[in-house]
């Protein structure tokens, strides 16, 4: 087993633990073809122990020990709250935010890990908002232990709402307002970016399995999805005053989402297309479960 394979030095891995398995994406991190997707895999496994073993087997089977890894926290294991930024020195910001959200979490704040990221200022409201991410210390420790047990080099723990911004589609949307709609089998999320900054992140309970059941006689699911999208876009326009979304990109591109896109395009006042992962414009090589893992793998990678 080669612990010092050259692959370990020129790639980075993103890992997301999902209810039914582990999603993994590996991207090129060296200057040549930086950000290129090298592989993506979904390892079916349920439960922490089974998922840890599956990831260990995958890492060892591909001789990727020592490879840099960005691990995503499950939405069930963390909370994100948007609050007004306290008027304190930077050194006191995390304690102040911890105090502010202590009544919002269901566990002792003394056992919480707290971090934050700033939200863009509104043209209509100068009050600075920040998004506060909280998780139990024991939960974070379990993620760290799991990744370390595989031999991967953990460089960051991230949250799904932030890693989509790492995609080239977003990074190249300077001076544009772009919406990214990503769907799993049972849920979806919409992120709205302006000039590559994240402004809106919303989750909803409509996924590809429901979309696949739509018939010509009953297209109400499409209408429900359009309503979710429009609510987020209306809030973006009214709160930030930066105009409307000009384009929406969708993942994955499957028959159900292609049918949905055609329906939405007839009603929407913005362009709709599908996300291209590679320079050739194809997404066939990105496993359907691995969208967020791919975004995680791109963290800190110049493209």
C-alpha atoms as a PDB file:
ATOM      1  CA  UNK A   1       0.000   0.000   0.000  1.00  0.00           C
ATOM      2  CA  UNK A   2       1.514   3.309  -1.094  1.00  0.00           C
ATOM      3  CA  UNK A   3       0.966   5.926   1.610  1.00  0.00           C
ATOM      4  CA  UNK A   4       2.863   8.550  -0.354  1.00  0.00           C
ATOM      5  CA  UNK A   5       1.262   8.183  -3.762  1.00  0.00           C
ATOM      6  CA  UNK A   6       1.532  11.272  -5.965  1.00  0.00           C
ATOM      7  CA  UNK A   7      -2.285  11.290  -6.057  1.00  0.00           C
ATOM      8  CA  UNK A   8      -2.226  12.249  -2.397  1.00  0.00           C
ATOM      9  CA  UNK A   9      -0.429  15.492  -3.183  1.00  0.00           C
ATOM     10  CA  UNK A  10      -2.397  16.788  -6.129  1.00  0.00           C
ATOM     11  CA  UNK A  11      -6.022  16.118  -5.243  1.00  0.00           C
ATOM     12  CA  UNK A  12      -8.579  16.945  -2.570  1.00  0.00           C
ATOM     13  CA  UNK A  13     -11.589  14.955  -1.434  1.00  0.00           C
ATOM     14  CA  UNK A  14     -15.019  16.102  -0.325  1.00  0.00           C
ATOM     15  CA  UNK A  15     -17.110  13.798   1.881  1.00  0.00           C
ATOM     16  CA  UNK A  16     -20.771  14.050   2.837  1.00  0.00           C
ATOM     17  CA  UNK A  17     -22.536  11.585   5.136  1.00  0.00           C
ATOM     18  CA  UNK A  18     -26.105  11.063   3.926  1.00  0.00           C
ATOM     19  CA  UNK A  19     -28.893   8.986   5.516  1.00  0.00           C
ATOM     20  CA  UNK A  20     -28.300   6.043   3.173  1.00  0.00           C
ATOM     21  CA  UNK A  21     -24.614   6.286   2.425  1.00  0.00           C
ATOM     22  CA  UNK A  22     -21.417   8.285   1.988  1.00  0.00           C
ATOM     23  CA  UNK A  23     -20.966  10.650  -0.962  1.00  0.00           C
ATOM     24  CA  UNK A  24     -17.370  11.228  -2.091  1.00  0.00           C
ATOM     25  CA  UNK A  25     -15.888  13.497  -4.751  1.00  0.00           C
ATOM     26  CA  UNK A  26     -12.216  13.861  -5.640  1.00  0.00           C
ATOM     27  CA  UNK A  27     -10.889  16.881  -7.568  1.00  0.00           C
ATOM     28  CA  UNK A  28      -7.554  17.916  -8.985  1.00  0.00           C
ATOM     29  CA  UNK A  29      -5.809  20.423  -6.707  1.00  0.00           C
ATOM     30  CA  UNK A  30      -2.524  20.976  -8.569  1.00  0.00           C
ATOM     31  CA  UNK A  31      -2.154  23.922 -10.941  1.00  0.00           C
ATOM     32  CA  UNK A  32      -2.638  21.763 -14.001  1.00  0.00           C
ATOM     33  CA  UNK A  33      -6.395  21.237 -14.529  1.00  0.00           C
ATOM     34  CA  UNK A  34      -7.097  22.516 -11.019  1.00  0.00           C
ATOM     35  CA  UNK A  35     -10.667  21.821  -9.941  1.00  0.00           C
ATOM     36  CA  UNK A  36     -11.257  19.030 -12.434  1.00  0.00           C
ATOM     37  CA  UNK A  37     -13.466  16.224 -11.133  1.00  0.00           C
ATOM     38  CA  UNK A  38     -11.377  13.047 -10.899  1.00  0.00           C
ATOM     39  CA  UNK A  39     -13.938  10.684  -9.421  1.00  0.00           C
ATOM     40  CA  UNK A  40     -17.195  10.520  -7.495  1.00  0.00           C
ATOM     41  CA  UNK A  41     -18.674   7.599  -5.608  1.00  0.00           C
ATOM     42  CA  UNK A  42     -21.679   6.877  -3.438  1.00  0.00           C
ATOM     43  CA  UNK A  43     -21.089   4.160  -0.853  1.00  0.00           C
ATOM     44  CA  UNK A  44     -24.397   2.671   0.394  1.00  0.00           C
ATOM     45  CA  UNK A  45     -24.226   2.335   4.190  1.00  0.00           C
ATOM     46  CA  UNK A  46     -26.560   3.194   7.054  1.00  0.00           C
ATOM     47  CA  UNK A  47     -25.366   4.243  10.502  1.00  0.00           C
ATOM     48  CA  UNK A  48     -22.168   5.858  11.727  1.00  0.00           C
ATOM     49  CA  UNK A  49     -20.191   2.646  12.163  1.00  0.00           C
ATOM     50  CA  UNK A  50     -21.126   1.226   8.756  1.00  0.00           C
ATOM     51  CA  UNK A  51     -20.403   4.527   7.016  1.00  0.00           C
ATOM     52  CA  UNK A  52     -17.019   4.873   8.718  1.00  0.00           C
ATOM     53  CA  UNK A  53     -16.046   1.352   7.619  1.00  0.00           C
ATOM     54  CA  UNK A  54     -17.235   2.019   4.066  1.00  0.00           C
ATOM     55  CA  UNK A  55     -15.164   5.202   3.869  1.00  0.00           C
ATOM     56  CA  UNK A  56     -12.116   3.464   5.355  1.00  0.00           C
ATOM     57  CA  UNK A  57     -12.362   0.709   2.743  1.00  0.00           C
ATOM     58  CA  UNK A  58     -12.713   3.260  -0.071  1.00  0.00           C
ATOM     59  CA  UNK A  59      -9.700   5.317   1.062  1.00  0.00           C
ATOM     60  CA  UNK A  60      -7.486   2.255   1.508  1.00  0.00           C
ATOM     61  CA  UNK A  61      -8.725   0.666  -1.697  1.00  0.00           C
ATOM     62  CA  UNK A  62      -7.730   3.780  -3.644  1.00  0.00           C
ATOM     63  CA  UNK A  63      -4.479   4.374  -1.694  1.00  0.00           C
ATOM     64  CA  UNK A  64      -5.551   7.900  -0.773  1.00  0.00           C
ATOM     65  CA  UNK A  65      -4.290   8.085   2.801  1.00  0.00           C
ATOM     66  CA  UNK A  66      -2.850  11.522   3.565  1.00  0.00           C
ATOM     67  CA  UNK A  67      -5.040  13.111   0.885  1.00  0.00           C
ATOM     68  CA  UNK A  68      -6.614  16.431   1.954  1.00  0.00           C
ATOM     69  CA  UNK A  69     -10.282  16.136   2.861  1.00  0.00           C
ATOM     70  CA  UNK A  70     -13.149  18.575   3.467  1.00  0.00           C
ATOM     71  CA  UNK A  71     -15.970  16.969   5.427  1.00  0.00           C
ATOM     72  CA  UNK A  72     -19.556  18.222   5.345  1.00  0.00           C
ATOM     73  CA  UNK A  73     -21.765  18.254   8.391  1.00  0.00           C
ATOM     74  CA  UNK A  74     -25.206  16.780   7.915  1.00  0.00           C
ATOM     75  CA  UNK A  75     -28.073  19.257   8.102  1.00  0.00           C
ATOM     76  CA  UNK A  76     -29.416  17.134  10.979  1.00  0.00           C
ATOM     77  CA  UNK A  77     -26.216  17.667  12.971  1.00  0.00           C
ATOM     78  CA  UNK A  78     -25.997  21.458  12.837  1.00  0.00           C
ATOM     79  CA  UNK A  79     -28.208  24.540  12.878  1.00  0.00           C
ATOM     80  CA  UNK A  80     -27.840  27.833  11.051  1.00  0.00           C
ATOM     81  CA  UNK A  81     -29.421  31.008  12.460  1.00  0.00           C
ATOM     82  CA  UNK A  82     -29.376  34.436  10.880  1.00  0.00           C
ATOM     83  CA  UNK A  83     -29.100  37.178  13.507  1.00  0.00           C
ATOM     84  CA  UNK A  84     -28.092  40.800  13.767  1.00  0.00           C
ATOM     85  CA  UNK A  85     -24.370  41.224  14.295  1.00  0.00           C
ATOM     86  CA  UNK A  86     -23.640  42.309  17.900  1.00  0.00           C
ATOM     87  CA  UNK A  87     -21.850  45.635  18.344  1.00  0.00           C
ATOM     88  CA  UNK A  88     -18.720  44.195  19.977  1.00  0.00           C
ATOM     89  CA  UNK A  89     -15.036  43.880  19.157  1.00  0.00           C
ATOM     90  CA  UNK A  90     -14.102  41.057  16.808  1.00  0.00           C
ATOM     91  CA  UNK A  91     -12.451  39.153  19.648  1.00  0.00           C
ATOM     92  CA  UNK A  92     -15.771  39.117  21.518  1.00  0.00           C
ATOM     93  CA  UNK A  93     -17.968  38.262  18.555  1.00  0.00           C
ATOM     94  CA  UNK A  94     -18.215  34.487  18.988  1.00  0.00           C
ATOM     95  CA  UNK A  95     -19.027  34.703  22.731  1.00  0.00           C
ATOM     96  CA  UNK A  96     -21.633  37.381  21.976  1.00  0.00           C
ATOM     97  CA  UNK A  97     -23.210  35.280  19.238  1.00  0.00           C
ATOM     98  CA  UNK A  98     -23.153  32.225  21.498  1.00  0.00           C
ATOM     99  CA  UNK A  99     -25.084  34.165  24.130  1.00  0.00           C
ATOM    100  CA  UNK A 100     -27.549  35.399  21.507  1.00  0.00           C
ATOM    101  CA  UNK A 101     -28.476  31.930  20.199  1.00  0.00           C
ATOM    102  CA  UNK A 102     -28.360  30.044  23.517  1.00  0.00           C
ATOM    103  CA  UNK A 103     -32.153  29.895  23.772  1.00  0.00           C
ATOM    104  CA  UNK A 104     -32.533  28.716  20.173  1.00  0.00           C
ATOM    105  CA  UNK A 105     -30.645  25.441  20.548  1.00  0.00           C
ATOM    106  CA  UNK A 106     -31.937  22.340  22.301  1.00  0.00           C
ATOM    107  CA  UNK A 107     -28.702  21.478  24.130  1.00  0.00           C
ATOM    108  CA  UNK A 108     -26.452  23.142  26.673  1.00  0.00           C
ATOM    109  CA  UNK A 109     -24.654  26.066  25.054  1.00  0.00           C
ATOM    110  CA  UNK A 110     -21.539  25.080  27.027  1.00  0.00           C
ATOM    111  CA  UNK A 111     -21.261  21.954  24.851  1.00  0.00           C
ATOM    112  CA  UNK A 112     -21.785  23.835  21.587  1.00  0.00           C
ATOM    113  CA  UNK A 113     -19.310  24.620  18.830  1.00  0.00           C
ATOM    114  CA  UNK A 114     -20.199  28.025  17.377  1.00  0.00           C
ATOM    115  CA  UNK A 115     -18.958  29.679  14.195  1.00  0.00           C
ATOM    116  CA  UNK A 116     -20.372  32.306  11.856  1.00  0.00           C
ATOM    117  CA  UNK A 117     -20.134  33.881   8.432  1.00  0.00           C
ATOM    118  CA  UNK A 118     -21.226  37.415   7.479  1.00  0.00           C
ATOM    119  CA  UNK A 119     -24.193  38.046   5.206  1.00  0.00           C
ATOM    120  CA  UNK A 120     -24.035  40.798   2.569  1.00  0.00           C
ATOM    121  CA  UNK A 121     -25.391  44.204   3.509  1.00  0.00           C
ATOM    122  CA  UNK A 122     -28.751  45.218   2.108  1.00  0.00           C
ATOM    123  CA  UNK A 123     -29.085  48.368   0.003  1.00  0.00           C
ATOM    124  CA  UNK A 124     -32.296  49.030   1.907  1.00  0.00           C
ATOM    125  CA  UNK A 125     -31.172  48.056   5.415  1.00  0.00           C
ATOM    126  CA  UNK A 126     -27.710  48.825   6.788  1.00  0.00           C
ATOM    127  CA  UNK A 127     -28.051  46.401   9.694  1.00  0.00           C
ATOM    128  CA  UNK A 128     -25.291  43.794   9.355  1.00  0.00           C
ATOM    129  CA  UNK A 129     -26.602  40.233   9.579  1.00  0.00           C
ATOM    130  CA  UNK A 130     -24.496  37.144  10.271  1.00  0.00           C
ATOM    131  CA  UNK A 131     -25.304  33.467   9.919  1.00  0.00           C
ATOM    132  CA  UNK A 132     -24.400  31.518  13.040  1.00  0.00           C
ATOM    133  CA  UNK A 133     -23.606  27.807  12.710  1.00  0.00           C
ATOM    134  CA  UNK A 134     -23.917  25.671  15.831  1.00  0.00           C
ATOM    135  CA  UNK A 135     -23.316  21.999  16.561  1.00  0.00           C
ATOM    136  CA  UNK A 136     -22.722  19.858  19.604  1.00  0.00           C
ATOM    137  CA  UNK A 137     -19.054  19.442  20.460  1.00  0.00           C
ATOM    138  CA  UNK A 138     -19.427  15.658  20.646  1.00  0.00           C
ATOM    139  CA  UNK A 139     -20.940  15.598  17.149  1.00  0.00           C
ATOM    140  CA  UNK A 140     -18.075  17.587  15.659  1.00  0.00           C
ATOM    141  CA  UNK A 141     -15.590  15.337  17.470  1.00  0.00           C
ATOM    142  CA  UNK A 142     -17.244  12.268  15.911  1.00  0.00           C
ATOM    143  CA  UNK A 143     -16.767  13.722  12.412  1.00  0.00           C
ATOM    144  CA  UNK A 144     -13.122  14.474  13.154  1.00  0.00           C
ATOM    145  CA  UNK A 145     -12.493  10.996  14.540  1.00  0.00           C
ATOM    146  CA  UNK A 146     -14.189   9.331  11.579  1.00  0.00           C
ATOM    147  CA  UNK A 147     -12.087  11.165   8.986  1.00  0.00           C
ATOM    148  CA  UNK A 148      -8.865  10.644  10.929  1.00  0.00           C
ATOM    149  CA  UNK A 149      -9.583   6.915  11.221  1.00  0.00           C
ATOM    150  CA  UNK A 150      -9.569   6.620   7.423  1.00  0.00           C
ATOM    151  CA  UNK A 151      -6.094   8.126   7.060  1.00  0.00           C
ATOM    152  CA  UNK A 152      -7.363  11.193   5.224  1.00  0.00           C
ATOM    153  CA  UNK A 153      -5.994  14.606   6.221  1.00  0.00           C
ATOM    154  CA  UNK A 154      -8.916  16.688   7.504  1.00  0.00           C
ATOM    155  CA  UNK A 155      -8.461  20.319   6.467  1.00  0.00           C
ATOM    156  CA  UNK A 156     -11.960  21.668   7.188  1.00  0.00           C
ATOM    157  CA  UNK A 157     -15.467  20.846   8.313  1.00  0.00           C
ATOM    158  CA  UNK A 158     -18.045  22.753   6.280  1.00  0.00           C
ATOM    159  CA  UNK A 159     -21.816  23.044   5.807  1.00  0.00           C
ATOM    160  CA  UNK A 160     -23.709  22.290   2.570  1.00  0.00           C
ATOM    161  CA  UNK A 161     -25.132  25.809   2.159  1.00  0.00           C
ATOM    162  CA  UNK A 162     -21.616  27.264   1.776  1.00  0.00           C
ATOM    163  CA  UNK A 163     -19.830  24.800  -0.511  1.00  0.00           C
ATOM    164  CA  UNK A 164     -21.995  25.371  -3.596  1.00  0.00           C
ATOM    165  CA  UNK A 165     -20.252  28.742  -3.940  1.00  0.00           C
ATOM    166  CA  UNK A 166     -17.032  26.850  -4.758  1.00  0.00           C
ATOM    167  CA  UNK A 167     -18.409  25.668  -8.106  1.00  0.00           C
ATOM    168  CA  UNK A 168     -16.921  27.250 -11.210  1.00  0.00           C
ATOM    169  CA  UNK A 169     -20.464  28.133 -12.339  1.00  0.00           C
ATOM    170  CA  UNK A 170     -20.764  30.470  -9.339  1.00  0.00           C
ATOM    171  CA  UNK A 171     -17.181  31.724  -9.341  1.00  0.00           C
ATOM    172  CA  UNK A 172     -17.550  32.829 -12.961  1.00  0.00           C
ATOM    173  CA  UNK A 173     -20.857  34.648 -12.398  1.00  0.00           C
ATOM    174  CA  UNK A 174     -19.258  37.983 -11.481  1.00  0.00           C
ATOM    175  CA  UNK A 175     -21.726  40.895 -11.645  1.00  0.00           C
ATOM    176  CA  UNK A 176     -24.614  38.469 -12.200  1.00  0.00           C
ATOM    177  CA  UNK A 177     -27.437  37.265  -9.977  1.00  0.00           C
ATOM    178  CA  UNK A 178     -27.507  33.480 -10.142  1.00  0.00           C
ATOM    179  CA  UNK A 179     -29.749  30.879  -8.497  1.00  0.00           C
ATOM    180  CA  UNK A 180     -28.520  27.311  -7.971  1.00  0.00           C
ATOM    181  CA  UNK A 181     -31.266  24.713  -7.518  1.00  0.00           C
ATOM    182  CA  UNK A 182     -30.027  21.307  -6.350  1.00  0.00           C
ATOM    183  CA  UNK A 183     -32.248  18.324  -5.689  1.00  0.00           C
ATOM    184  CA  UNK A 184     -31.880  15.010  -3.924  1.00  0.00           C
ATOM    185  CA  UNK A 185     -34.430  12.212  -4.046  1.00  0.00           C
ATOM    186  CA  UNK A 186     -36.548  13.724  -1.276  1.00  0.00           C
ATOM    187  CA  UNK A 187     -35.512  17.367  -0.838  1.00  0.00           C
ATOM    188  CA  UNK A 188     -34.027  20.394  -2.507  1.00  0.00           C
ATOM    189  CA  UNK A 189     -32.200  23.622  -1.837  1.00  0.00           C
ATOM    190  CA  UNK A 190     -31.999  26.993  -3.533  1.00  0.00           C
ATOM    191  CA  UNK A 191     -28.993  29.289  -3.164  1.00  0.00           C
ATOM    192  CA  UNK A 192     -29.010  32.790  -4.646  1.00  0.00           C
ATOM    193  CA  UNK A 193     -25.713  34.537  -5.418  1.00  0.00           C
ATOM    194  CA  UNK A 194     -24.995  38.078  -6.518  1.00  0.00           C
ATOM    195  CA  UNK A 195     -21.487  38.846  -7.739  1.00  0.00           C
ATOM    196  CA  UNK A 196     -20.459  35.382  -6.389  1.00  0.00           C
ATOM    197  CA  UNK A 197     -21.595  36.202  -2.801  1.00  0.00           C
ATOM    198  CA  UNK A 198     -24.267  34.056  -1.133  1.00  0.00           C
ATOM    199  CA  UNK A 199     -27.410  36.031  -0.269  1.00  0.00           C
ATOM    200  CA  UNK A 200     -30.161  33.438   0.160  1.00  0.00           C
ATOM    201  CA  UNK A 201     -30.090  29.765   1.134  1.00  0.00           C
ATOM    202  CA  UNK A 202     -33.393  27.903   1.499  1.00  0.00           C
ATOM    203  CA  UNK A 203     -34.294  24.222   1.850  1.00  0.00           C
ATOM    204  CA  UNK A 204     -37.600  22.591   0.927  1.00  0.00           C
ATOM    205  CA  UNK A 205     -39.162  19.127   0.886  1.00  0.00           C
ATOM    206  CA  UNK A 206     -39.514  18.541  -2.846  1.00  0.00           C
ATOM    207  CA  UNK A 207     -37.135  16.114  -4.526  1.00  0.00           C
ATOM    208  CA  UNK A 208     -36.650  14.173  -7.725  1.00  0.00           C
ATOM    209  CA  UNK A 209     -38.828  11.263  -6.555  1.00  0.00           C
ATOM    210  CA  UNK A 210     -41.851  13.586  -6.354  1.00  0.00           C
ATOM    211  CA  UNK A 211     -40.982  15.267  -9.634  1.00  0.00           C
ATOM    212  CA  UNK A 212     -40.840  11.876 -11.345  1.00  0.00           C
ATOM    213  CA  UNK A 213     -44.478  11.260 -10.410  1.00  0.00           C
ATOM    214  CA  UNK A 214     -45.773  14.369 -12.199  1.00  0.00           C
ATOM    215  CA  UNK A 215     -48.209  13.684 -15.040  1.00  0.00           C
ATOM    216  CA  UNK A 216     -49.763  15.872 -17.714  1.00  0.00           C
ATOM    217  CA  UNK A 217     -53.016  15.689 -15.748  1.00  0.00           C
ATOM    218  CA  UNK A 218     -51.460  16.807 -12.443  1.00  0.00           C
ATOM    219  CA  UNK A 219     -48.533  19.229 -12.487  1.00  0.00           C
ATOM    220  CA  UNK A 220     -49.175  20.630  -9.001  1.00  0.00           C
ATOM    221  CA  UNK A 221     -45.729  19.551  -7.759  1.00  0.00           C
ATOM    222  CA  UNK A 222     -44.135  21.773 -10.394  1.00  0.00           C
ATOM    223  CA  UNK A 223     -46.327  24.640  -9.207  1.00  0.00           C
ATOM    224  CA  UNK A 224     -45.341  24.012  -5.587  1.00  0.00           C
ATOM    225  CA  UNK A 225     -41.663  24.055  -6.506  1.00  0.00           C
ATOM    226  CA  UNK A 226     -42.075  27.229  -8.530  1.00  0.00           C
ATOM    227  CA  UNK A 227     -43.786  28.841  -5.537  1.00  0.00           C
ATOM    228  CA  UNK A 228     -40.847  27.921  -3.270  1.00  0.00           C
ATOM    229  CA  UNK A 229     -38.403  29.375  -5.780  1.00  0.00           C
ATOM    230  CA  UNK A 230     -40.428  32.528  -6.337  1.00  0.00           C
ATOM    231  CA  UNK A 231     -40.768  33.222  -2.604  1.00  0.00           C
ATOM    232  CA  UNK A 232     -36.994  33.142  -2.191  1.00  0.00           C
ATOM    233  CA  UNK A 233     -36.445  35.324  -5.228  1.00  0.00           C
ATOM    234  CA  UNK A 234     -39.087  37.823  -4.109  1.00  0.00           C
ATOM    235  CA  UNK A 235     -37.391  38.084  -0.711  1.00  0.00           C
ATOM    236  CA  UNK A 236     -34.009  38.632  -2.371  1.00  0.00           C
ATOM    237  CA  UNK A 237     -35.421  41.430  -4.531  1.00  0.00           C
ATOM    238  CA  UNK A 238     -37.349  43.154  -1.748  1.00  0.00           C
ATOM    239  CA  UNK A 239     -34.714  42.893   1.008  1.00  0.00           C
ATOM    240  CA  UNK A 240     -31.521  43.508  -0.939  1.00  0.00           C
ATOM    241  CA  UNK A 241     -32.754  45.753  -3.748  1.00  0.00           C
ATOM    242  CA  UNK A 242     -30.334  44.300  -6.307  1.00  0.00           C
ATOM    243  CA  UNK A 243     -32.819  43.473  -9.027  1.00  0.00           C
ATOM    244  CA  UNK A 244     -33.966  40.028 -10.070  1.00  0.00           C
ATOM    245  CA  UNK A 245     -32.285  36.696 -10.731  1.00  0.00           C
ATOM    246  CA  UNK A 246     -31.090  36.481 -14.334  1.00  0.00           C
ATOM    247  CA  UNK A 247     -30.327  32.768 -14.487  1.00  0.00           C
ATOM    248  CA  UNK A 248     -31.027  29.559 -12.604  1.00  0.00           C
ATOM    249  CA  UNK A 249     -28.889  26.422 -12.861  1.00  0.00           C
ATOM    250  CA  UNK A 250     -30.196  22.999 -11.842  1.00  0.00           C
ATOM    251  CA  UNK A 251     -28.598  19.768 -10.640  1.00  0.00           C
ATOM    252  CA  UNK A 252     -29.088  16.930 -11.459  1.00  0.00           C
ATOM    253  CA  UNK A 253     -30.009  16.675 -15.120  1.00  0.00           C
ATOM    254  CA  UNK A 254     -32.325  13.667 -15.259  1.00  0.00           C
ATOM    255  CA  UNK A 255     -35.620  13.123 -17.121  1.00  0.00           C
ATOM    256  CA  UNK A 256     -37.699  14.387 -14.171  1.00  0.00           C
ATOM    257  CA  UNK A 257     -35.736  17.641 -13.836  1.00  0.00           C
ATOM    258  CA  UNK A 258     -35.612  18.155 -17.611  1.00  0.00           C
ATOM    259  CA  UNK A 259     -39.406  17.988 -17.702  1.00  0.00           C
ATOM    260  CA  UNK A 260     -39.581  20.329 -14.699  1.00  0.00           C
ATOM    261  CA  UNK A 261     -37.201  22.815 -16.307  1.00  0.00           C
ATOM    262  CA  UNK A 262     -39.331  23.001 -19.459  1.00  0.00           C
ATOM    263  CA  UNK A 263     -42.423  23.659 -17.351  1.00  0.00           C
ATOM    264  CA  UNK A 264     -40.741  26.325 -15.217  1.00  0.00           C
ATOM    265  CA  UNK A 265     -39.159  28.077 -18.201  1.00  0.00           C
ATOM    266  CA  UNK A 266     -42.614  28.749 -19.647  1.00  0.00           C
ATOM    267  CA  UNK A 267     -43.581  30.599 -16.448  1.00  0.00           C
ATOM    268  CA  UNK A 268     -40.304  32.121 -15.217  1.00  0.00           C
ATOM    269  CA  UNK A 269     -38.759  35.433 -16.274  1.00  0.00           C
ATOM    270  CA  UNK A 270     -35.195  34.118 -15.914  1.00  0.00           C
ATOM    271  CA  UNK A 271     -33.142  31.672 -17.975  1.00  0.00           C
ATOM    272  CA  UNK A 272     -33.000  28.059 -16.819  1.00  0.00           C
ATOM    273  CA  UNK A 273     -30.196  25.620 -17.587  1.00  0.00           C
ATOM    274  CA  UNK A 274     -28.343  22.693 -16.034  1.00  0.00           C
ATOM    275  CA  UNK A 275     -25.040  22.781 -14.199  1.00  0.00           C
ATOM    276  CA  UNK A 276     -21.953  21.812 -16.166  1.00  0.00           C
ATOM    277  CA  UNK A 277     -19.320  20.223 -13.956  1.00  0.00           C
ATOM    278  CA  UNK A 278     -16.663  19.798 -16.609  1.00  0.00           C
ATOM    279  CA  UNK A 279     -15.360  22.122 -19.293  1.00  0.00           C
ATOM    280  CA  UNK A 280     -16.968  19.880 -21.876  1.00  0.00           C
ATOM    281  CA  UNK A 281     -20.382  20.763 -20.499  1.00  0.00           C
ATOM    282  CA  UNK A 282     -21.265  17.265 -19.311  1.00  0.00           C
ATOM    283  CA  UNK A 283     -22.328  16.122 -15.867  1.00  0.00           C
ATOM    284  CA  UNK A 284     -22.395  12.392 -16.582  1.00  0.00           C
ATOM    285  CA  UNK A 285     -19.266  11.805 -14.503  1.00  0.00           C
ATOM    286  CA  UNK A 286     -20.662  13.331 -11.279  1.00  0.00           C
ATOM    287  CA  UNK A 287     -22.606  10.752  -9.284  1.00  0.00           C
ATOM    288  CA  UNK A 288     -26.102  12.045  -8.475  1.00  0.00           C
ATOM    289  CA  UNK A 289     -25.583  11.981  -4.684  1.00  0.00           C
ATOM    290  CA  UNK A 290     -22.245  13.803  -4.846  1.00  0.00           C
ATOM    291  CA  UNK A 291     -23.166  17.396  -5.706  1.00  0.00           C
ATOM    292  CA  UNK A 292     -22.399  18.826  -2.258  1.00  0.00           C
ATOM    293  CA  UNK A 293     -19.351  16.584  -1.851  1.00  0.00           C
ATOM    294  CA  UNK A 294     -18.026  18.013  -5.126  1.00  0.00           C
ATOM    295  CA  UNK A 295     -18.530  21.550  -3.813  1.00  0.00           C
ATOM    296  CA  UNK A 296     -16.737  20.586  -0.603  1.00  0.00           C
ATOM    297  CA  UNK A 297     -13.807  19.106  -2.520  1.00  0.00           C
ATOM    298  CA  UNK A 298     -13.387  22.424  -4.355  1.00  0.00           C
ATOM    299  CA  UNK A 299     -12.905  24.426  -1.144  1.00  0.00           C
ATOM    300  CA  UNK A 300      -9.754  26.540  -1.475  1.00  0.00           C
ATOM    301  CA  UNK A 301      -9.022  25.222  -4.984  1.00  0.00           C
ATOM    302  CA  UNK A 302      -8.290  27.883  -7.610  1.00  0.00           C
ATOM    303  CA  UNK A 303     -10.040  27.098 -10.894  1.00  0.00           C
END
